[in-house]
């Protein structure tokens, strides 16, 4: 029963995303009085009802999981169904909901144990209150470290740093400085170089050293087929990682 509700909720989100896309193509607002806005509201009501049922099922199952997953899903649903939300925010909210369901909520409803990431890699409190997708990337990186999946950890840390650097540029409204002539963000190697030379902010010596180390390790784990990361490889730059993430979060205006 819980399995059916879970799939129906995710299907409702996908259906709503389709309505949003079609309404945008036809230049119809989701907060007006038209076919698309009415369908959007119907799907919102259905999704929220199913989410309430899912939370009740979690309580009945005696879920000992982190309340964080429920709070994050609540917030992401609110963002997704806000009628005038920016498309990028809505896409990120939908992605967060699917990730939370697949990684934590669905296994809990199936009675499977789930791993709660620890602060061993870096204190996760640093990214609390930033963006849902930033928090999830950091939690995935921390979880990979806990499970001794060190190549996966390096790749997720690389993604975390790349995301935070872009957030810094967007916070200062200078993101065009790190985009190519097609409007896409430049590759991480160039991104790091431009970030360290950007006059809008000052970067500490530890961060300058740490960003290059993190990028190199992430590249090796992602692209070198003969390289296999070890615990010691990551431990060598864990301090630099914490300092870099903390400083990036600050420059991006989150704290």
C-alpha atoms as a PDB file:
ATOM      1  CA  UNK A   1       0.000   0.000   0.000  1.00  0.00           C
ATOM      2  CA  UNK A   2       2.755   2.427   0.946  1.00  0.00           C
ATOM      3  CA  UNK A   3       4.670   1.479  -2.218  1.00  0.00           C
ATOM      4  CA  UNK A   4       1.705   2.452  -4.394  1.00  0.00           C
ATOM      5  CA  UNK A   5       1.314   5.814  -2.642  1.00  0.00           C
ATOM      6  CA  UNK A   6       5.006   6.543  -3.101  1.00  0.00           C
ATOM      7  CA  UNK A   7       4.976   5.974  -6.833  1.00  0.00           C
ATOM      8  CA  UNK A   8       1.740   7.923  -7.247  1.00  0.00           C
ATOM      9  CA  UNK A   9       3.222  10.937  -5.483  1.00  0.00           C
ATOM     10  CA  UNK A  10       6.281  10.972  -7.722  1.00  0.00           C
ATOM     11  CA  UNK A  11       4.059  10.515 -10.760  1.00  0.00           C
ATOM     12  CA  UNK A  12       1.985  13.503  -9.623  1.00  0.00           C
ATOM     13  CA  UNK A  13       5.128  15.630  -9.531  1.00  0.00           C
ATOM     14  CA  UNK A  14       6.114  14.493 -13.016  1.00  0.00           C
ATOM     15  CA  UNK A  15       2.619  15.258 -14.298  1.00  0.00           C
ATOM     16  CA  UNK A  16       2.739  18.700 -12.712  1.00  0.00           C
ATOM     17  CA  UNK A  17       6.127  19.333 -14.345  1.00  0.00           C
ATOM     18  CA  UNK A  18       4.527  18.500 -17.691  1.00  0.00           C
ATOM     19  CA  UNK A  19       1.693  20.953 -17.071  1.00  0.00           C
ATOM     20  CA  UNK A  20       4.197  23.650 -16.097  1.00  0.00           C
ATOM     21  CA  UNK A  21       6.205  23.093 -19.278  1.00  0.00           C
ATOM     22  CA  UNK A  22       3.131  23.194 -21.519  1.00  0.00           C
ATOM     23  CA  UNK A  23       1.771  26.302 -19.794  1.00  0.00           C
ATOM     24  CA  UNK A  24       5.117  28.060 -20.301  1.00  0.00           C
ATOM     25  CA  UNK A  25       5.140  27.199 -24.023  1.00  0.00           C
ATOM     26  CA  UNK A  26       1.616  28.587 -24.359  1.00  0.00           C
ATOM     27  CA  UNK A  27       2.435  31.662 -22.246  1.00  0.00           C
ATOM     28  CA  UNK A  28      -0.245  30.846 -19.683  1.00  0.00           C
ATOM     29  CA  UNK A  29       0.323  31.776 -16.007  1.00  0.00           C
ATOM     30  CA  UNK A  30      -0.070  29.151 -13.309  1.00  0.00           C
ATOM     31  CA  UNK A  31      -1.656  31.677 -10.951  1.00  0.00           C
ATOM     32  CA  UNK A  32      -4.363  32.771 -13.415  1.00  0.00           C
ATOM     33  CA  UNK A  33      -7.732  31.303 -14.372  1.00  0.00           C
ATOM     34  CA  UNK A  34      -7.040  28.911 -17.212  1.00  0.00           C
ATOM     35  CA  UNK A  35      -6.917  25.198 -17.978  1.00  0.00           C
ATOM     36  CA  UNK A  36      -3.268  24.859 -16.977  1.00  0.00           C
ATOM     37  CA  UNK A  37      -3.568  26.696 -13.675  1.00  0.00           C
ATOM     38  CA  UNK A  38      -6.592  24.614 -12.681  1.00  0.00           C
ATOM     39  CA  UNK A  39      -4.814  21.361 -13.558  1.00  0.00           C
ATOM     40  CA  UNK A  40      -1.730  22.559 -11.667  1.00  0.00           C
ATOM     41  CA  UNK A  41      -3.818  23.194  -8.532  1.00  0.00           C
ATOM     42  CA  UNK A  42      -5.464  19.768  -8.842  1.00  0.00           C
ATOM     43  CA  UNK A  43      -2.090  18.051  -9.027  1.00  0.00           C
ATOM     44  CA  UNK A  44      -0.815  20.121  -6.113  1.00  0.00           C
ATOM     45  CA  UNK A  45      -3.755  19.031  -3.961  1.00  0.00           C
ATOM     46  CA  UNK A  46      -3.252  15.400  -4.964  1.00  0.00           C
ATOM     47  CA  UNK A  47       0.489  15.506  -4.258  1.00  0.00           C
ATOM     48  CA  UNK A  48       0.075  17.143  -0.858  1.00  0.00           C
ATOM     49  CA  UNK A  49      -2.597  14.614   0.119  1.00  0.00           C
ATOM     50  CA  UNK A  50      -0.375  11.716  -0.907  1.00  0.00           C
ATOM     51  CA  UNK A  51       2.586  13.217   0.925  1.00  0.00           C
ATOM     52  CA  UNK A  52       0.476  13.437   4.092  1.00  0.00           C
ATOM     53  CA  UNK A  53      -0.418   9.769   3.686  1.00  0.00           C
ATOM     54  CA  UNK A  54       3.238   8.869   3.159  1.00  0.00           C
ATOM     55  CA  UNK A  55       4.285  10.686   6.342  1.00  0.00           C
ATOM     56  CA  UNK A  56       1.558   8.827   8.223  1.00  0.00           C
ATOM     57  CA  UNK A  57       2.891   5.535   6.827  1.00  0.00           C
ATOM     58  CA  UNK A  58       6.370   6.433   8.040  1.00  0.00           C
ATOM     59  CA  UNK A  59       5.047   7.032  11.527  1.00  0.00           C
ATOM     60  CA  UNK A  60       3.133   3.758  11.500  1.00  0.00           C
ATOM     61  CA  UNK A  61       6.295   1.934  10.436  1.00  0.00           C
ATOM     62  CA  UNK A  62       8.108   3.462  13.409  1.00  0.00           C
ATOM     63  CA  UNK A  63      10.661   5.102  11.148  1.00  0.00           C
ATOM     64  CA  UNK A  64      13.727   6.059  13.137  1.00  0.00           C
ATOM     65  CA  UNK A  65      15.091   8.100  10.246  1.00  0.00           C
ATOM     66  CA  UNK A  66      16.267  11.660  10.369  1.00  0.00           C
ATOM     67  CA  UNK A  67      13.464  14.233  10.483  1.00  0.00           C
ATOM     68  CA  UNK A  68      15.676  16.158   8.107  1.00  0.00           C
ATOM     69  CA  UNK A  69      14.304  14.180   5.145  1.00  0.00           C
ATOM     70  CA  UNK A  70      10.703  15.067   5.982  1.00  0.00           C
ATOM     71  CA  UNK A  71      11.489  18.735   6.615  1.00  0.00           C
ATOM     72  CA  UNK A  72      13.415  18.972   3.348  1.00  0.00           C
ATOM     73  CA  UNK A  73      10.621  17.322   1.399  1.00  0.00           C
ATOM     74  CA  UNK A  74       8.080  19.701   2.943  1.00  0.00           C
ATOM     75  CA  UNK A  75      10.176  22.670   1.840  1.00  0.00           C
ATOM     76  CA  UNK A  76      10.872  21.308  -1.621  1.00  0.00           C
ATOM     77  CA  UNK A  77       7.175  20.621  -2.247  1.00  0.00           C
ATOM     78  CA  UNK A  78       6.362  24.175  -1.222  1.00  0.00           C
ATOM     79  CA  UNK A  79       8.971  25.522  -3.661  1.00  0.00           C
ATOM     80  CA  UNK A  80       7.866  23.233  -6.490  1.00  0.00           C
ATOM     81  CA  UNK A  81       4.196  24.190  -6.256  1.00  0.00           C
ATOM     82  CA  UNK A  82       4.711  27.929  -5.741  1.00  0.00           C
ATOM     83  CA  UNK A  83       2.981  29.196  -8.931  1.00  0.00           C
ATOM     84  CA  UNK A  84       5.458  31.963  -9.780  1.00  0.00           C
ATOM     85  CA  UNK A  85       8.640  30.163  -8.760  1.00  0.00           C
ATOM     86  CA  UNK A  86      11.717  30.444 -10.980  1.00  0.00           C
ATOM     87  CA  UNK A  87      12.144  27.399 -13.286  1.00  0.00           C
ATOM     88  CA  UNK A  88      15.609  26.557 -11.926  1.00  0.00           C
ATOM     89  CA  UNK A  89      14.377  26.604  -8.321  1.00  0.00           C
ATOM     90  CA  UNK A  90      11.448  24.375  -9.259  1.00  0.00           C
ATOM     91  CA  UNK A  91      13.698  21.909 -11.107  1.00  0.00           C
ATOM     92  CA  UNK A  92      16.039  21.706  -8.132  1.00  0.00           C
ATOM     93  CA  UNK A  93      13.098  21.171  -5.775  1.00  0.00           C
ATOM     94  CA  UNK A  94      11.785  18.301  -7.904  1.00  0.00           C
ATOM     95  CA  UNK A  95      15.236  16.731  -8.054  1.00  0.00           C
ATOM     96  CA  UNK A  96      15.603  16.998  -4.266  1.00  0.00           C
ATOM     97  CA  UNK A  97      12.233  15.329  -3.682  1.00  0.00           C
ATOM     98  CA  UNK A  98      13.091  12.411  -5.955  1.00  0.00           C
ATOM     99  CA  UNK A  99      16.500  12.002  -4.314  1.00  0.00           C
ATOM    100  CA  UNK A 100      15.045  12.047  -0.786  1.00  0.00           C
ATOM    101  CA  UNK A 101      12.394   9.502  -1.714  1.00  0.00           C
ATOM    102  CA  UNK A 102      14.784   7.128  -3.423  1.00  0.00           C
ATOM    103  CA  UNK A 103      17.603   7.406  -0.876  1.00  0.00           C
ATOM    104  CA  UNK A 104      15.740   7.631   2.443  1.00  0.00           C
ATOM    105  CA  UNK A 105      11.951   7.561   2.377  1.00  0.00           C
ATOM    106  CA  UNK A 106      11.353   4.680  -0.005  1.00  0.00           C
ATOM    107  CA  UNK A 107      13.840   2.357   1.763  1.00  0.00           C
ATOM    108  CA  UNK A 108      12.224   3.257   5.085  1.00  0.00           C
ATOM    109  CA  UNK A 109       8.779   2.317   3.797  1.00  0.00           C
ATOM    110  CA  UNK A 110      10.213  -0.970   2.566  1.00  0.00           C
ATOM    111  CA  UNK A 111      11.705  -1.643   5.962  1.00  0.00           C
ATOM    112  CA  UNK A 112      15.300  -1.282   4.839  1.00  0.00           C
ATOM    113  CA  UNK A 113      17.883   0.371   7.076  1.00  0.00           C
ATOM    114  CA  UNK A 114      19.246   3.669   5.782  1.00  0.00           C
ATOM    115  CA  UNK A 115      22.588   5.277   6.442  1.00  0.00           C
ATOM    116  CA  UNK A 116      22.596   8.689   8.080  1.00  0.00           C
ATOM    117  CA  UNK A 117      25.725  10.600   7.000  1.00  0.00           C
ATOM    118  CA  UNK A 118      28.049  11.646   9.816  1.00  0.00           C
ATOM    119  CA  UNK A 119      30.271  14.699  10.238  1.00  0.00           C
ATOM    120  CA  UNK A 120      33.461  12.677   9.770  1.00  0.00           C
ATOM    121  CA  UNK A 121      34.229  14.133   6.334  1.00  0.00           C
ATOM    122  CA  UNK A 122      33.118  17.665   7.234  1.00  0.00           C
ATOM    123  CA  UNK A 123      30.553  19.185   9.628  1.00  0.00           C
ATOM    124  CA  UNK A 124      27.267  19.082   7.734  1.00  0.00           C
ATOM    125  CA  UNK A 125      26.004  22.006   9.813  1.00  0.00           C
ATOM    126  CA  UNK A 126      28.140  24.223   7.565  1.00  0.00           C
ATOM    127  CA  UNK A 127      25.732  23.763   4.659  1.00  0.00           C
ATOM    128  CA  UNK A 128      22.498  23.779   6.664  1.00  0.00           C
ATOM    129  CA  UNK A 129      20.275  26.670   5.642  1.00  0.00           C
ATOM    130  CA  UNK A 130      21.880  27.049   2.195  1.00  0.00           C
ATOM    131  CA  UNK A 131      20.014  25.331  -0.645  1.00  0.00           C
ATOM    132  CA  UNK A 132      18.396  21.920  -0.618  1.00  0.00           C
ATOM    133  CA  UNK A 133      20.598  20.673  -3.456  1.00  0.00           C
ATOM    134  CA  UNK A 134      23.774  21.925  -1.746  1.00  0.00           C
ATOM    135  CA  UNK A 135      22.811  20.141   1.462  1.00  0.00           C
ATOM    136  CA  UNK A 136      22.086  16.920  -0.420  1.00  0.00           C
ATOM    137  CA  UNK A 137      25.361  17.004  -2.342  1.00  0.00           C
ATOM    138  CA  UNK A 138      27.273  17.458   0.922  1.00  0.00           C
ATOM    139  CA  UNK A 139      25.320  14.630   2.578  1.00  0.00           C
ATOM    140  CA  UNK A 140      26.039  12.313  -0.357  1.00  0.00           C
ATOM    141  CA  UNK A 141      29.742  13.128  -0.158  1.00  0.00           C
ATOM    142  CA  UNK A 142      29.752  12.502   3.617  1.00  0.00           C
ATOM    143  CA  UNK A 143      27.797   9.268   3.212  1.00  0.00           C
ATOM    144  CA  UNK A 144      30.215   8.006   0.569  1.00  0.00           C
ATOM    145  CA  UNK A 145      33.126   8.670   2.935  1.00  0.00           C
ATOM    146  CA  UNK A 146      31.363   6.835   5.773  1.00  0.00           C
ATOM    147  CA  UNK A 147      30.760   3.828   3.502  1.00  0.00           C
ATOM    148  CA  UNK A 148      34.390   3.868   2.290  1.00  0.00           C
ATOM    149  CA  UNK A 149      33.387   4.728  -1.277  1.00  0.00           C
ATOM    150  CA  UNK A 150      36.287   7.106  -1.682  1.00  0.00           C
ATOM    151  CA  UNK A 151      36.183   7.673  -5.439  1.00  0.00           C
ATOM    152  CA  UNK A 152      32.490   8.510  -5.207  1.00  0.00           C
ATOM    153  CA  UNK A 153      33.267  10.798  -2.277  1.00  0.00           C
ATOM    154  CA  UNK A 154      35.925  12.675  -4.268  1.00  0.00           C
ATOM    155  CA  UNK A 155      33.542  13.196  -7.185  1.00  0.00           C
ATOM    156  CA  UNK A 156      30.745  14.479  -4.940  1.00  0.00           C
ATOM    157  CA  UNK A 157      33.136  16.828  -3.132  1.00  0.00           C
ATOM    158  CA  UNK A 158      34.249  18.155  -6.523  1.00  0.00           C
ATOM    159  CA  UNK A 159      30.609  18.774  -7.419  1.00  0.00           C
ATOM    160  CA  UNK A 160      29.964  20.468  -4.073  1.00  0.00           C
ATOM    161  CA  UNK A 161      32.844  22.904  -4.568  1.00  0.00           C
ATOM    162  CA  UNK A 162      31.837  23.625  -8.169  1.00  0.00           C
ATOM    163  CA  UNK A 163      28.253  24.339  -7.099  1.00  0.00           C
ATOM    164  CA  UNK A 164      29.328  26.655  -4.279  1.00  0.00           C
ATOM    165  CA  UNK A 165      31.678  28.628  -6.530  1.00  0.00           C
ATOM    166  CA  UNK A 166      28.816  29.257  -8.962  1.00  0.00           C
ATOM    167  CA  UNK A 167      26.612  30.299  -6.026  1.00  0.00           C
ATOM    168  CA  UNK A 168      29.251  32.928  -5.112  1.00  0.00           C
ATOM    169  CA  UNK A 169      29.130  34.434  -8.597  1.00  0.00           C
ATOM    170  CA  UNK A 170      25.338  34.438  -8.619  1.00  0.00           C
ATOM    171  CA  UNK A 171      25.199  36.074  -5.188  1.00  0.00           C
ATOM    172  CA  UNK A 172      27.353  38.941  -6.476  1.00  0.00           C
ATOM    173  CA  UNK A 173      25.390  39.032  -9.767  1.00  0.00           C
ATOM    174  CA  UNK A 174      28.560  38.515 -11.810  1.00  0.00           C
ATOM    175  CA  UNK A 175      27.841  35.002 -13.112  1.00  0.00           C
ATOM    176  CA  UNK A 176      28.471  36.153 -16.699  1.00  0.00           C
ATOM    177  CA  UNK A 177      32.163  36.212 -15.808  1.00  0.00           C
ATOM    178  CA  UNK A 178      32.204  32.416 -15.625  1.00  0.00           C
ATOM    179  CA  UNK A 179      30.055  31.608 -18.657  1.00  0.00           C
ATOM    180  CA  UNK A 180      31.180  30.845 -22.190  1.00  0.00           C
ATOM    181  CA  UNK A 181      29.774  32.368 -25.372  1.00  0.00           C
ATOM    182  CA  UNK A 182      26.945  29.811 -25.302  1.00  0.00           C
ATOM    183  CA  UNK A 183      25.829  30.871 -21.820  1.00  0.00           C
ATOM    184  CA  UNK A 184      27.111  27.712 -20.127  1.00  0.00           C
ATOM    185  CA  UNK A 185      29.326  27.756 -17.049  1.00  0.00           C
ATOM    186  CA  UNK A 186      32.996  27.075 -17.804  1.00  0.00           C
ATOM    187  CA  UNK A 187      34.730  23.884 -16.707  1.00  0.00           C
ATOM    188  CA  UNK A 188      35.893  23.556 -13.114  1.00  0.00           C
ATOM    189  CA  UNK A 189      39.585  24.072 -13.915  1.00  0.00           C
ATOM    190  CA  UNK A 190      38.853  27.474 -15.430  1.00  0.00           C
ATOM    191  CA  UNK A 191      36.201  28.174 -12.816  1.00  0.00           C
ATOM    192  CA  UNK A 192      38.674  27.741  -9.956  1.00  0.00           C
ATOM    193  CA  UNK A 193      41.233  29.980 -11.636  1.00  0.00           C
ATOM    194  CA  UNK A 194      38.743  32.778 -12.200  1.00  0.00           C
ATOM    195  CA  UNK A 195      37.334  32.429  -8.696  1.00  0.00           C
ATOM    196  CA  UNK A 196      40.739  32.800  -7.062  1.00  0.00           C
ATOM    197  CA  UNK A 197      41.445  35.953  -9.109  1.00  0.00           C
ATOM    198  CA  UNK A 198      37.988  37.539  -8.759  1.00  0.00           C
ATOM    199  CA  UNK A 199      38.288  41.046  -7.203  1.00  0.00           C
ATOM    200  CA  UNK A 200      34.780  40.925  -5.703  1.00  0.00           C
ATOM    201  CA  UNK A 201      36.022  38.882  -2.733  1.00  0.00           C
ATOM    202  CA  UNK A 202      39.168  37.875  -0.862  1.00  0.00           C
ATOM    203  CA  UNK A 203      40.148  34.228  -0.525  1.00  0.00           C
ATOM    204  CA  UNK A 204      42.399  32.810   2.181  1.00  0.00           C
ATOM    205  CA  UNK A 205      45.647  30.994   1.439  1.00  0.00           C
ATOM    206  CA  UNK A 206      44.230  27.693   2.736  1.00  0.00           C
ATOM    207  CA  UNK A 207      41.317  27.905   0.333  1.00  0.00           C
ATOM    208  CA  UNK A 208      43.592  28.669  -2.622  1.00  0.00           C
ATOM    209  CA  UNK A 209      45.602  25.547  -1.852  1.00  0.00           C
ATOM    210  CA  UNK A 210      42.565  23.422  -0.997  1.00  0.00           C
ATOM    211  CA  UNK A 211      40.545  24.152  -4.126  1.00  0.00           C
ATOM    212  CA  UNK A 212      43.343  22.941  -6.394  1.00  0.00           C
ATOM    213  CA  UNK A 213      43.754  19.761  -4.320  1.00  0.00           C
ATOM    214  CA  UNK A 214      40.026  19.016  -4.330  1.00  0.00           C
ATOM    215  CA  UNK A 215      39.762  19.552  -8.079  1.00  0.00           C
ATOM    216  CA  UNK A 216      42.766  17.310  -8.787  1.00  0.00           C
ATOM    217  CA  UNK A 217      41.444  14.470  -6.616  1.00  0.00           C
ATOM    218  CA  UNK A 218      37.961  14.743  -8.102  1.00  0.00           C
ATOM    219  CA  UNK A 219      39.352  14.668 -11.623  1.00  0.00           C
ATOM    220  CA  UNK A 220      41.434  11.580 -10.885  1.00  0.00           C
ATOM    221  CA  UNK A 221      38.462   9.711  -9.410  1.00  0.00           C
ATOM    222  CA  UNK A 222      36.149  10.730 -12.237  1.00  0.00           C
ATOM    223  CA  UNK A 223      38.402  10.359 -15.271  1.00  0.00           C
ATOM    224  CA  UNK A 224      41.454   8.177 -14.551  1.00  0.00           C
ATOM    225  CA  UNK A 225      40.455   4.547 -15.116  1.00  0.00           C
ATOM    226  CA  UNK A 226      43.499   3.157 -13.278  1.00  0.00           C
ATOM    227  CA  UNK A 227      43.236   5.405 -10.226  1.00  0.00           C
ATOM    228  CA  UNK A 228      41.400   4.186  -7.109  1.00  0.00           C
ATOM    229  CA  UNK A 229      41.096   6.673  -4.255  1.00  0.00           C
ATOM    230  CA  UNK A 230      42.069   5.588  -0.735  1.00  0.00           C
ATOM    231  CA  UNK A 231      41.022   6.908   2.641  1.00  0.00           C
ATOM    232  CA  UNK A 232      44.378   8.576   3.142  1.00  0.00           C
ATOM    233  CA  UNK A 233      44.026  10.481  -0.127  1.00  0.00           C
ATOM    234  CA  UNK A 234      40.911  12.210   1.167  1.00  0.00           C
ATOM    235  CA  UNK A 235      42.155  12.578   4.726  1.00  0.00           C
ATOM    236  CA  UNK A 236      45.102  14.567   3.400  1.00  0.00           C
ATOM    237  CA  UNK A 237      42.772  17.425   2.408  1.00  0.00           C
ATOM    238  CA  UNK A 238      39.848  17.098   4.823  1.00  0.00           C
ATOM    239  CA  UNK A 239      40.933  20.196   6.760  1.00  0.00           C
ATOM    240  CA  UNK A 240      41.268  22.209   3.557  1.00  0.00           C
ATOM    241  CA  UNK A 241      37.850  20.958   2.467  1.00  0.00           C
ATOM    242  CA  UNK A 242      36.173  22.167   5.633  1.00  0.00           C
ATOM    243  CA  UNK A 243      37.847  25.578   5.406  1.00  0.00           C
ATOM    244  CA  UNK A 244      37.008  25.907   1.697  1.00  0.00           C
ATOM    245  CA  UNK A 245      33.337  24.948   2.080  1.00  0.00           C
ATOM    246  CA  UNK A 246      32.915  27.238   5.080  1.00  0.00           C
ATOM    247  CA  UNK A 247      34.480  30.160   3.221  1.00  0.00           C
ATOM    248  CA  UNK A 248      32.509  29.515   0.021  1.00  0.00           C
ATOM    249  CA  UNK A 249      29.246  29.360   1.983  1.00  0.00           C
ATOM    250  CA  UNK A 250      30.109  32.707   3.518  1.00  0.00           C
ATOM    251  CA  UNK A 251      31.047  34.382   0.225  1.00  0.00           C
ATOM    252  CA  UNK A 252      27.847  33.053  -1.343  1.00  0.00           C
ATOM    253  CA  UNK A 253      25.898  34.973   1.306  1.00  0.00           C
ATOM    254  CA  UNK A 254      24.328  32.010   3.072  1.00  0.00           C
ATOM    255  CA  UNK A 255      25.939  32.769   6.461  1.00  0.00           C
END
